[in-house]
Amino acid sequence: MTTEVLLHRWPSAYMRTELVHGVILFSGDFDERDASIARRACPGRQVLLNADGGIEVHPAGKGPAHSLLDW
């Protein structure tokens, strides 16, 4: 795996990460494979793949998490 592939597939750069209303938002062009990896990396959290291709890591909650894009 090259550095270029790593930076494209997984949000490892600080400039691609934001904290919005307590939700960690990884900007990028991700797919369900990346969301699956994020679910394993963040147990107990709710991980969503949003419509823009970003990954959202929500705190654990009783109901389903809603995308930040829906607010």
C-alpha atoms as a PDB file:
ATOM      1  CA  MET A   1       0.000   0.000   0.000  1.00  0.00           C
ATOM      2  CA  THR A   2       1.383   3.364  -0.993  1.00  0.00           C
ATOM      3  CA  THR A   3       0.994   6.625   0.927  1.00  0.00           C
ATOM      4  CA  GLU A   4      -1.247   7.974  -1.812  1.00  0.00           C
ATOM      5  CA  VAL A   5      -3.617   5.000  -1.526  1.00  0.00           C
ATOM      6  CA  LEU A   6      -3.623   5.218   2.261  1.00  0.00           C
ATOM      7  CA  LEU A   7      -4.543   8.904   2.257  1.00  0.00           C
ATOM      8  CA  HIS A   8      -7.276   8.332  -0.315  1.00  0.00           C
ATOM      9  CA  ARG A   9      -8.906   5.312   1.339  1.00  0.00           C
ATOM     10  CA  TRP A  10      -8.771   6.248   4.995  1.00  0.00           C
ATOM     11  CA  PRO A  11      -9.118   9.638   6.660  1.00  0.00           C
ATOM     12  CA  SER A  12      -5.719   9.825   8.290  1.00  0.00           C
ATOM     13  CA  ALA A  13      -5.031  13.502   7.664  1.00  0.00           C
ATOM     14  CA  TYR A  14      -6.108  16.099  10.233  1.00  0.00           C
ATOM     15  CA  MET A  15      -7.302  18.492   7.522  1.00  0.00           C
ATOM     16  CA  ARG A  16      -9.968  15.998   6.470  1.00  0.00           C
ATOM     17  CA  THR A  17     -11.490  15.643   9.954  1.00  0.00           C
ATOM     18  CA  GLU A  18     -13.994  17.887  11.720  1.00  0.00           C
ATOM     19  CA  LEU A  19     -16.034  17.756  14.914  1.00  0.00           C
ATOM     20  CA  VAL A  20     -19.577  18.972  14.238  1.00  0.00           C
ATOM     21  CA  HIS A  21     -22.173  18.905  17.054  1.00  0.00           C
ATOM     22  CA  GLY A  22     -20.269  16.088  18.771  1.00  0.00           C
ATOM     23  CA  VAL A  23     -20.009  14.028  15.575  1.00  0.00           C
ATOM     24  CA  ILE A  24     -16.647  13.226  14.020  1.00  0.00           C
ATOM     25  CA  LEU A  25     -16.855  13.899  10.283  1.00  0.00           C
ATOM     26  CA  PHE A  26     -14.269  12.493   7.879  1.00  0.00           C
ATOM     27  CA  SER A  27     -14.494  14.249   4.514  1.00  0.00           C
ATOM     28  CA  GLY A  28     -13.660  12.272   1.421  1.00  0.00           C
ATOM     29  CA  ASP A  29     -14.957   9.841  -1.149  1.00  0.00           C
ATOM     30  CA  PHE A  30     -15.528   6.703   0.920  1.00  0.00           C
ATOM     31  CA  ASP A  31     -17.676   3.639   0.383  1.00  0.00           C
ATOM     32  CA  GLU A  32     -19.234   0.910   2.513  1.00  0.00           C
ATOM     33  CA  ARG A  33     -15.863  -0.868   2.900  1.00  0.00           C
ATOM     34  CA  ASP A  34     -14.471   2.196   4.649  1.00  0.00           C
ATOM     35  CA  ALA A  35     -17.589   2.536   6.827  1.00  0.00           C
ATOM     36  CA  SER A  36     -17.228  -1.111   7.849  1.00  0.00           C
ATOM     37  CA  ILE A  37     -13.619  -0.497   8.914  1.00  0.00           C
ATOM     38  CA  ALA A  38     -14.705   2.605  10.870  1.00  0.00           C
ATOM     39  CA  ARG A  39     -17.365   0.528  12.688  1.00  0.00           C
ATOM     40  CA  ARG A  40     -14.701  -1.928  13.814  1.00  0.00           C
ATOM     41  CA  ALA A  41     -12.333   0.903  14.783  1.00  0.00           C
ATOM     42  CA  CYS A  42     -15.012   2.734  16.821  1.00  0.00           C
ATOM     43  CA  PRO A  43     -16.979   0.080  18.741  1.00  0.00           C
ATOM     44  CA  GLY A  44     -20.035   1.408  20.539  1.00  0.00           C
ATOM     45  CA  ARG A  45     -20.414   4.315  18.108  1.00  0.00           C
ATOM     46  CA  GLN A  46     -22.860   4.733  15.253  1.00  0.00           C
ATOM     47  CA  VAL A  47     -21.028   5.071  11.938  1.00  0.00           C
ATOM     48  CA  LEU A  48     -22.790   6.430   8.858  1.00  0.00           C
ATOM     49  CA  LEU A  49     -21.714   6.844   5.264  1.00  0.00           C
ATOM     50  CA  ASN A  50     -23.367  10.110   4.212  1.00  0.00           C
ATOM     51  CA  ALA A  51     -24.644  11.138   0.779  1.00  0.00           C
ATOM     52  CA  ASP A  52     -21.485  13.175   0.073  1.00  0.00           C
ATOM     53  CA  GLY A  53     -19.260  10.121   0.589  1.00  0.00           C
ATOM     54  CA  GLY A  54     -18.076  11.224   4.036  1.00  0.00           C
ATOM     55  CA  ILE A  55     -17.988   9.075   7.156  1.00  0.00           C
ATOM     56  CA  GLU A  56     -19.784  10.287  10.279  1.00  0.00           C
ATOM     57  CA  VAL A  57     -19.003   8.769  13.682  1.00  0.00           C
ATOM     58  CA  HIS A  58     -21.898   9.526  16.041  1.00  0.00           C
ATOM     59  CA  PRO A  59     -21.954   8.928  19.799  1.00  0.00           C
ATOM     60  CA  ALA A  60     -23.837   5.851  20.948  1.00  0.00           C
ATOM     61  CA  GLY A  61     -27.541   6.477  21.308  1.00  0.00           C
ATOM     62  CA  LYS A  62     -30.861   4.742  21.788  1.00  0.00           C
ATOM     63  CA  GLY A  63     -32.212   5.468  18.319  1.00  0.00           C
ATOM     64  CA  PRO A  64     -30.650   5.402  14.888  1.00  0.00           C
ATOM     65  CA  ALA A  65     -28.203   8.167  14.054  1.00  0.00           C
ATOM     66  CA  HIS A  66     -29.205  10.784  11.500  1.00  0.00           C
ATOM     67  CA  SER A  67     -26.739  12.239   9.033  1.00  0.00           C
ATOM     68  CA  LEU A  68     -25.483  15.771   9.604  1.00  0.00           C
ATOM     69  CA  LEU A  69     -26.581  16.498   6.042  1.00  0.00           C
ATOM     70  CA  ASP A  70     -30.205  15.964   7.101  1.00  0.00           C
ATOM     71  CA  TRP A  71     -30.132  18.806   9.680  1.00  0.00           C
END
